[in-house]
Protein backbone atom coordinates (compact mmCIF):
# COMPACT_ATOMS: atom_id res chain seq x y z
CA UNK A 1 0.00 0.00 0.00
CA UNK A 2 1.25 3.47 -0.80
CA UNK A 3 -0.01 5.12 2.36
CA UNK A 4 0.43 8.64 3.58
CA UNK A 5 3.20 10.17 5.56
CA UNK A 6 2.38 11.05 9.13
CA UNK A 7 3.05 14.69 8.18
CA UNK A 8 0.10 14.74 5.80
CA UNK A 9 -3.35 15.67 6.98
CA UNK A 10 -5.27 12.93 8.74
CA UNK A 11 -8.41 14.75 7.61
CA UNK A 12 -7.79 13.44 4.10
CA UNK A 13 -8.41 9.88 5.24
CA UNK A 14 -11.94 10.79 6.29
CA UNK A 15 -12.54 13.68 3.92
CA UNK A 16 -15.94 12.30 2.91
CA UNK A 17 -17.19 12.06 6.49
CA UNK A 18 -20.06 14.48 6.91
CA UNK A 19 -20.03 14.69 10.70
CA UNK A 20 -17.48 14.28 13.44
CA UNK A 21 -18.70 11.39 15.56
CA UNK A 22 -16.97 9.70 18.49
CA UNK A 23 -16.06 6.83 16.15
CA UNK A 24 -14.48 9.00 13.44
CA UNK A 25 -12.70 11.12 16.02
CA UNK A 26 -11.26 7.98 17.66
CA UNK A 27 -10.19 6.64 14.26
CA UNK A 28 -8.42 9.90 13.41
CA UNK A 29 -6.68 9.89 16.78
CA UNK A 30 -5.58 6.31 16.25
CA UNK A 31 -4.05 7.19 12.88
CA UNK A 32 -2.42 10.33 14.25
CA UNK A 33 -0.62 8.13 16.77
CA UNK A 34 0.56 5.73 14.03
CA UNK A 35 -1.61 2.88 15.30
CA UNK A 36 -3.35 0.49 12.92
CA UNK A 37 -7.03 1.06 12.21
CA UNK A 38 -9.02 -2.07 11.31
CA UNK A 39 -12.29 -1.59 9.44
CA UNK A 40 -14.96 -4.30 9.16
CA UNK A 41 -17.42 -2.82 6.71
CA UNK A 42 -21.04 -3.62 6.11
CA UNK A 43 -22.82 -1.37 3.66
CA UNK A 44 -25.63 -1.51 1.12
CA UNK A 45 -23.85 0.87 -1.28
CA UNK A 46 -20.29 -0.50 -1.20
CA UNK A 47 -20.27 -0.91 -4.97
CA UNK A 48 -22.08 2.38 -5.56
CA UNK A 49 -21.72 5.63 -3.61
CA UNK A 50 -19.24 4.27 -1.05
CA UNK A 51 -16.96 2.56 -3.59
CA UNK A 52 -14.81 5.66 -4.10
CA UNK A 53 -14.36 6.14 -0.35
CA UNK A 54 -13.52 2.47 0.25
CA UNK A 55 -11.02 2.58 -2.61
CA UNK A 56 -9.36 5.67 -1.15
CA UNK A 57 -9.05 4.05 2.28
CA UNK A 58 -7.53 0.89 0.78
CA UNK A 59 -4.59 3.04 -0.28
CA UNK A 60 -3.70 4.44 3.14
CA UNK A 61 -0.99 3.20 5.47
CA UNK A 62 -2.21 2.07 8.89
CA UNK A 63 -5.73 1.40 7.55
CA UNK A 64 -6.56 -2.29 7.26
CA UNK A 65 -9.73 -4.07 6.23
CA UNK A 66 -11.30 -7.27 7.43
CA UNK A 67 -11.72 -9.23 4.16
CA UNK A 68 -15.10 -8.54 2.58
CA UNK A 69 -17.33 -9.68 -0.27
CA UNK A 70 -20.76 -9.15 -1.76
CA UNK A 71 -23.20 -10.60 0.76
CA UNK A 72 -26.12 -11.09 -1.66
CA UNK A 73 -25.10 -10.45 -5.30
CA UNK A 74 -28.58 -11.06 -6.72
CA UNK A 75 -30.75 -9.50 -4.01
CA UNK A 76 -28.45 -6.59 -3.08
CA UNK A 77 -26.00 -6.18 -5.98
CA UNK A 78 -24.22 -3.12 -4.49
CA UNK A 79 -23.92 -4.49 -0.95
CA UNK A 80 -20.61 -5.46 0.71
CA UNK A 81 -20.02 -7.10 4.06
CA UNK A 82 -16.92 -8.13 5.99
CA UNK A 83 -16.39 -11.70 7.11
CA UNK A 84 -16.80 -10.92 10.81
CA UNK A 85 -15.33 -14.29 11.84
CA UNK A 86 -11.97 -12.97 10.55
CA UNK A 87 -11.81 -9.92 12.86
CA UNK A 88 -9.31 -11.45 15.34
CA UNK A 89 -7.03 -12.60 12.50
CA UNK A 90 -7.32 -9.20 10.76
CA UNK A 91 -6.34 -7.41 13.98
CA UNK A 92 -3.32 -9.69 14.44
CA UNK A 93 -2.23 -9.06 10.85
CA UNK A 94 -2.69 -5.27 11.24
CA UNK A 95 -0.56 -5.27 14.38
CA UNK A 96 2.16 -6.91 12.25
CA UNK A 97 1.67 -4.22 9.59
CA UNK A 98 0.08 -6.46 6.95
CA UNK A 99 -3.26 -6.55 5.21
CA UNK A 100 -4.97 -9.95 5.11
CA UNK A 101 -5.25 -11.23 1.56
CA UNK A 102 -7.35 -11.44 -0.41
CA UNK A 103 -9.03 -8.35 0.97
CA UNK A 104 -11.90 -8.72 -1.52
CA UNK A 105 -13.29 -12.25 -1.67
CA UNK A 106 -15.21 -13.53 -4.65
Foldseek 3Di string as FASTA:
>chain_A
DQADDLPDDLCVLVVVDPDDDPVNVVVSVCVNVVAADEDWDWDLQCQHPCVVSVVSNVNHFSYEYQAKEAPDCVPRVRIMGHPVVCVVVQNVQSRVRDYDPPSYDD
